[in-house]
Amino acid sequence: MSGWITRRLDLHAAADYTTGDLGFVGATNGFNTFSATARLRYAFSHSVAVYGEYARYQYQFTTAAGLPPGFGDGLDRQSIRAGVTTWLPLLTGGGR
């Protein structure tokens, strides 16, 4: 979902979930994955904004069977990011 909270503040949020089995007929390995992000952005002007973002990614396999060497059967990673964005128009409606 995304949208404007005020004239200068917008929110973008997304989440995904997947479940299934890794493998073909015979031995399979069940798994679950989850990811989510949320970003708030505040515009100081028409061309400059600051943002803060939180992200989380998680996966879990039932066992390590069938996974490549060194590939763990689970992971839970979180991150926080902040930054400044700027943009310029590609086309102007200028006259002569």
N, C-alpha and C. Protein backbone atom coordinates (compact mmCIF):
# COMPACT_ATOMS: atom_id res chain seq x y z
N MET A 1 0.85 -1.16 0.00
CA MET A 1 0.00 0.00 0.00
C MET A 1 0.90 1.22 0.00
N SER A 2 0.41 2.29 -0.54
CA SER A 2 1.15 3.54 -0.52
C SER A 2 0.17 4.69 -0.66
N GLY A 3 0.62 5.84 -0.17
CA GLY A 3 -0.24 7.00 -0.27
C GLY A 3 0.32 8.18 0.50
N TRP A 4 -0.30 9.31 0.29
CA TRP A 4 0.12 10.54 0.94
C TRP A 4 -0.59 10.68 2.27
N ILE A 5 0.18 10.95 3.33
CA ILE A 5 -0.37 11.20 4.65
C ILE A 5 -0.69 12.68 4.79
N THR A 6 0.22 13.51 4.32
CA THR A 6 0.02 14.96 4.24
C THR A 6 0.52 15.40 2.87
N ARG A 7 0.53 16.70 2.60
CA ARG A 7 1.01 17.19 1.31
C ARG A 7 2.49 16.88 1.09
N ARG A 8 3.26 16.74 2.18
CA ARG A 8 4.70 16.53 2.06
C ARG A 8 5.18 15.15 2.53
N LEU A 9 4.32 14.38 3.16
CA LEU A 9 4.72 13.10 3.75
C LEU A 9 3.98 11.95 3.08
N ASP A 10 4.74 10.98 2.58
CA ASP A 10 4.10 9.80 1.99
C ASP A 10 4.64 8.53 2.62
N LEU A 11 3.83 7.46 2.53
CA LEU A 11 4.15 6.17 3.12
C LEU A 11 4.05 5.11 2.02
N HIS A 12 5.01 4.19 2.04
CA HIS A 12 4.96 3.04 1.15
C HIS A 12 5.25 1.81 2.01
N ALA A 13 4.38 0.81 1.96
CA ALA A 13 4.57 -0.42 2.73
C ALA A 13 4.19 -1.61 1.86
N ALA A 14 4.94 -2.70 2.04
CA ALA A 14 4.67 -3.92 1.27
C ALA A 14 5.06 -5.12 2.11
N ALA A 15 4.36 -6.24 1.88
CA ALA A 15 4.67 -7.49 2.56
C ALA A 15 4.41 -8.65 1.61
N ASP A 16 5.23 -9.70 1.73
CA ASP A 16 5.10 -10.90 0.89
C ASP A 16 5.29 -12.13 1.77
N TYR A 17 4.56 -13.19 1.45
CA TYR A 17 4.72 -14.47 2.14
C TYR A 17 4.60 -15.58 1.11
N THR A 18 5.51 -16.55 1.20
CA THR A 18 5.50 -17.69 0.30
C THR A 18 5.73 -18.95 1.10
N THR A 19 5.06 -20.02 0.73
CA THR A 19 5.31 -21.32 1.34
C THR A 19 5.28 -22.36 0.23
N GLY A 20 6.04 -23.43 0.42
CA GLY A 20 6.07 -24.46 -0.62
C GLY A 20 7.03 -25.56 -0.28
N ASP A 21 7.41 -26.32 -1.31
CA ASP A 21 8.35 -27.43 -1.17
C ASP A 21 9.44 -27.28 -2.21
N LEU A 22 10.68 -27.52 -1.79
CA LEU A 22 11.83 -27.51 -2.69
C LEU A 22 12.10 -28.95 -3.09
N GLY A 23 12.16 -29.21 -4.37
CA GLY A 23 12.44 -30.55 -4.85
C GLY A 23 11.34 -31.05 -5.77
N PHE A 24 11.63 -32.19 -6.37
CA PHE A 24 10.68 -32.82 -7.27
C PHE A 24 10.07 -34.03 -6.58
N VAL A 25 9.52 -34.94 -7.34
CA VAL A 25 8.88 -36.13 -6.78
C VAL A 25 9.89 -36.86 -5.89
N GLY A 26 9.43 -37.31 -4.76
CA GLY A 26 10.31 -38.00 -3.82
C GLY A 26 10.60 -37.08 -2.64
N ALA A 27 11.86 -37.03 -2.24
CA ALA A 27 12.25 -36.22 -1.08
C ALA A 27 12.09 -34.73 -1.40
N THR A 28 11.33 -34.04 -0.58
CA THR A 28 11.16 -32.60 -0.74
C THR A 28 11.52 -31.92 0.58
N ASN A 29 11.73 -30.63 0.51
CA ASN A 29 12.10 -29.84 1.67
C ASN A 29 11.15 -28.65 1.74
N GLY A 30 10.31 -28.60 2.75
CA GLY A 30 9.36 -27.51 2.88
C GLY A 30 10.05 -26.21 3.25
N PHE A 31 9.48 -25.08 2.84
CA PHE A 31 10.05 -23.79 3.18
C PHE A 31 8.97 -22.73 3.34
N ASN A 32 9.31 -21.67 4.07
CA ASN A 32 8.50 -20.47 4.21
C ASN A 32 9.40 -19.27 4.03
N THR A 33 8.93 -18.24 3.35
CA THR A 33 9.67 -16.98 3.24
C THR A 33 8.71 -15.83 3.57
N PHE A 34 9.29 -14.77 4.11
CA PHE A 34 8.52 -13.59 4.46
C PHE A 34 9.40 -12.37 4.25
N SER A 35 8.84 -11.31 3.68
CA SER A 35 9.57 -10.05 3.57
C SER A 35 8.58 -8.90 3.74
N ALA A 36 9.08 -7.82 4.30
CA ALA A 36 8.25 -6.63 4.51
C ALA A 36 9.13 -5.39 4.48
N THR A 37 8.59 -4.30 3.95
CA THR A 37 9.28 -3.02 3.95
C THR A 37 8.27 -1.92 4.28
N ALA A 38 8.78 -0.87 4.91
CA ALA A 38 7.97 0.31 5.18
C ALA A 38 8.88 1.52 5.01
N ARG A 39 8.43 2.52 4.25
CA ARG A 39 9.24 3.72 4.00
C ARG A 39 8.38 4.97 4.18
N LEU A 40 8.90 5.90 4.96
CA LEU A 40 8.30 7.23 5.09
C LEU A 40 9.21 8.22 4.38
N ARG A 41 8.62 9.11 3.61
CA ARG A 41 9.41 10.11 2.88
C ARG A 41 8.79 11.49 3.10
N TYR A 42 9.64 12.46 3.40
CA TYR A 42 9.19 13.82 3.63
C TYR A 42 9.84 14.74 2.61
N ALA A 43 9.03 15.48 1.86
CA ALA A 43 9.53 16.38 0.82
C ALA A 43 9.77 17.77 1.41
N PHE A 44 11.01 18.23 1.30
CA PHE A 44 11.34 19.60 1.70
C PHE A 44 10.97 20.61 0.62
N SER A 45 11.05 20.17 -0.62
CA SER A 45 10.73 21.04 -1.76
C SER A 45 10.25 20.15 -2.90
N HIS A 46 10.09 20.74 -4.09
CA HIS A 46 9.65 19.97 -5.26
C HIS A 46 10.71 18.99 -5.73
N SER A 47 11.97 19.17 -5.30
CA SER A 47 13.03 18.31 -5.82
C SER A 47 13.91 17.65 -4.75
N VAL A 48 13.64 17.83 -3.47
CA VAL A 48 14.45 17.23 -2.42
C VAL A 48 13.56 16.64 -1.33
N ALA A 49 13.88 15.39 -0.94
CA ALA A 49 13.14 14.72 0.13
C ALA A 49 14.10 13.87 0.95
N VAL A 50 13.73 13.59 2.19
CA VAL A 50 14.46 12.65 3.03
C VAL A 50 13.54 11.46 3.31
N TYR A 51 14.16 10.32 3.58
CA TYR A 51 13.34 9.14 3.85
C TYR A 51 13.98 8.28 4.92
N GLY A 52 13.15 7.48 5.55
CA GLY A 52 13.58 6.44 6.47
C GLY A 52 12.87 5.17 6.07
N GLU A 53 13.58 4.05 6.12
CA GLU A 53 13.02 2.79 5.64
C GLU A 53 13.41 1.65 6.57
N TYR A 54 12.48 0.74 6.82
CA TYR A 54 12.73 -0.47 7.59
C TYR A 54 12.41 -1.66 6.68
N ALA A 55 13.27 -2.68 6.70
CA ALA A 55 13.04 -3.87 5.89
C ALA A 55 13.35 -5.11 6.71
N ARG A 56 12.60 -6.17 6.45
CA ARG A 56 12.84 -7.46 7.10
C ARG A 56 12.67 -8.57 6.07
N TYR A 57 13.58 -9.53 6.12
CA TYR A 57 13.51 -10.69 5.24
C TYR A 57 13.77 -11.94 6.08
N GLN A 58 12.98 -12.96 5.87
CA GLN A 58 13.11 -14.18 6.65
C GLN A 58 12.80 -15.38 5.78
N TYR A 59 13.62 -16.45 5.91
CA TYR A 59 13.24 -17.72 5.29
C TYR A 59 13.59 -18.85 6.24
N GLN A 60 12.88 -19.97 6.08
CA GLN A 60 13.10 -21.13 6.92
C GLN A 60 12.78 -22.38 6.12
N PHE A 61 13.77 -23.29 6.03
CA PHE A 61 13.56 -24.60 5.42
C PHE A 61 13.30 -25.60 6.53
N THR A 62 12.55 -26.66 6.22
CA THR A 62 12.28 -27.70 7.20
C THR A 62 13.58 -28.38 7.64
N THR A 63 14.45 -28.70 6.68
CA THR A 63 15.75 -29.30 6.95
C THR A 63 16.77 -28.67 6.00
N ALA A 64 18.04 -29.01 6.20
CA ALA A 64 19.09 -28.53 5.29
C ALA A 64 19.28 -29.48 4.12
N ALA A 65 18.51 -30.57 4.07
CA ALA A 65 18.64 -31.57 3.00
C ALA A 65 18.36 -30.94 1.64
N GLY A 66 19.25 -31.20 0.68
CA GLY A 66 19.06 -30.71 -0.68
C GLY A 66 19.51 -29.28 -0.91
N LEU A 67 19.97 -28.60 0.13
CA LEU A 67 20.44 -27.22 -0.03
C LEU A 67 21.91 -27.21 -0.41
N PRO A 68 22.37 -26.19 -1.15
CA PRO A 68 23.79 -26.11 -1.51
C PRO A 68 24.67 -26.03 -0.26
N PRO A 69 25.91 -26.50 -0.33
CA PRO A 69 26.82 -26.41 0.82
C PRO A 69 26.97 -24.95 1.27
N GLY A 70 26.91 -24.73 2.57
CA GLY A 70 27.06 -23.38 3.11
C GLY A 70 25.77 -22.58 3.14
N PHE A 71 24.72 -23.10 2.57
CA PHE A 71 23.43 -22.42 2.54
C PHE A 71 22.64 -22.86 3.78
N GLY A 72 22.46 -21.96 4.72
CA GLY A 72 21.77 -22.30 5.97
C GLY A 72 20.31 -22.62 5.76
N ASP A 73 19.74 -23.34 6.73
CA ASP A 73 18.32 -23.71 6.61
C ASP A 73 17.39 -22.60 7.08
N GLY A 74 17.95 -21.47 7.56
CA GLY A 74 17.11 -20.35 7.97
C GLY A 74 17.89 -19.05 8.03
N LEU A 75 17.18 -17.94 7.91
CA LEU A 75 17.77 -16.61 7.96
C LEU A 75 16.71 -15.62 8.40
N ASP A 76 17.11 -14.67 9.23
CA ASP A 76 16.22 -13.57 9.63
C ASP A 76 17.06 -12.30 9.60
N ARG A 77 16.80 -11.44 8.65
CA ARG A 77 17.61 -10.24 8.45
C ARG A 77 16.72 -9.01 8.53
N GLN A 78 17.19 -7.99 9.24
CA GLN A 78 16.47 -6.72 9.36
C GLN A 78 17.43 -5.59 9.04
N SER A 79 16.90 -4.50 8.49
CA SER A 79 17.75 -3.36 8.19
C SER A 79 16.95 -2.06 8.34
N ILE A 80 17.70 -1.02 8.63
CA ILE A 80 17.15 0.34 8.69
C ILE A 80 18.02 1.20 7.79
N ARG A 81 17.37 2.02 6.98
CA ARG A 81 18.09 2.86 6.04
C ARG A 81 17.49 4.26 6.06
N ALA A 82 18.34 5.24 5.86
CA ALA A 82 17.89 6.64 5.76
C ALA A 82 18.66 7.29 4.63
N GLY A 83 18.06 8.29 4.01
CA GLY A 83 18.76 8.94 2.92
C GLY A 83 18.04 10.19 2.42
N VAL A 84 18.64 10.75 1.41
CA VAL A 84 18.12 11.95 0.75
C VAL A 84 17.90 11.60 -0.72
N THR A 85 16.76 11.99 -1.26
CA THR A 85 16.51 11.80 -2.69
C THR A 85 16.34 13.16 -3.34
N THR A 86 16.73 13.22 -4.59
CA THR A 86 16.54 14.44 -5.38
C THR A 86 16.15 14.02 -6.79
N TRP A 87 15.43 14.86 -7.48
CA TRP A 87 15.02 14.55 -8.83
C TRP A 87 14.90 15.82 -9.64
N LEU A 88 15.05 15.64 -10.93
CA LEU A 88 14.95 16.74 -11.89
C LEU A 88 13.99 16.33 -12.99
N PRO A 89 13.20 17.24 -13.52
CA PRO A 89 12.28 16.88 -14.60
C PRO A 89 13.06 16.59 -15.88
N LEU A 90 12.64 15.57 -16.63
CA LEU A 90 13.26 15.27 -17.91
C LEU A 90 12.75 16.18 -19.00
N LEU A 91 11.51 16.56 -18.91
CA LEU A 91 10.90 17.43 -19.89
C LEU A 91 10.34 18.65 -19.19
N THR A 92 10.50 19.77 -19.78
CA THR A 92 9.90 20.98 -19.22
C THR A 92 8.84 21.48 -20.18
N GLY A 93 7.88 22.16 -19.66
CA GLY A 93 6.82 22.70 -20.50
C GLY A 93 7.16 24.10 -20.98
N GLY A 94 8.44 24.36 -21.11
CA GLY A 94 8.90 25.71 -21.43
C GLY A 94 8.46 26.20 -22.80
N GLY A 95 8.19 27.45 -22.85
CA GLY A 95 7.90 28.12 -24.10
C GLY A 95 9.14 28.88 -24.55
N ARG A 96 8.98 29.70 -25.54
CA ARG A 96 10.15 30.46 -26.02
C ARG A 96 10.09 31.88 -25.60
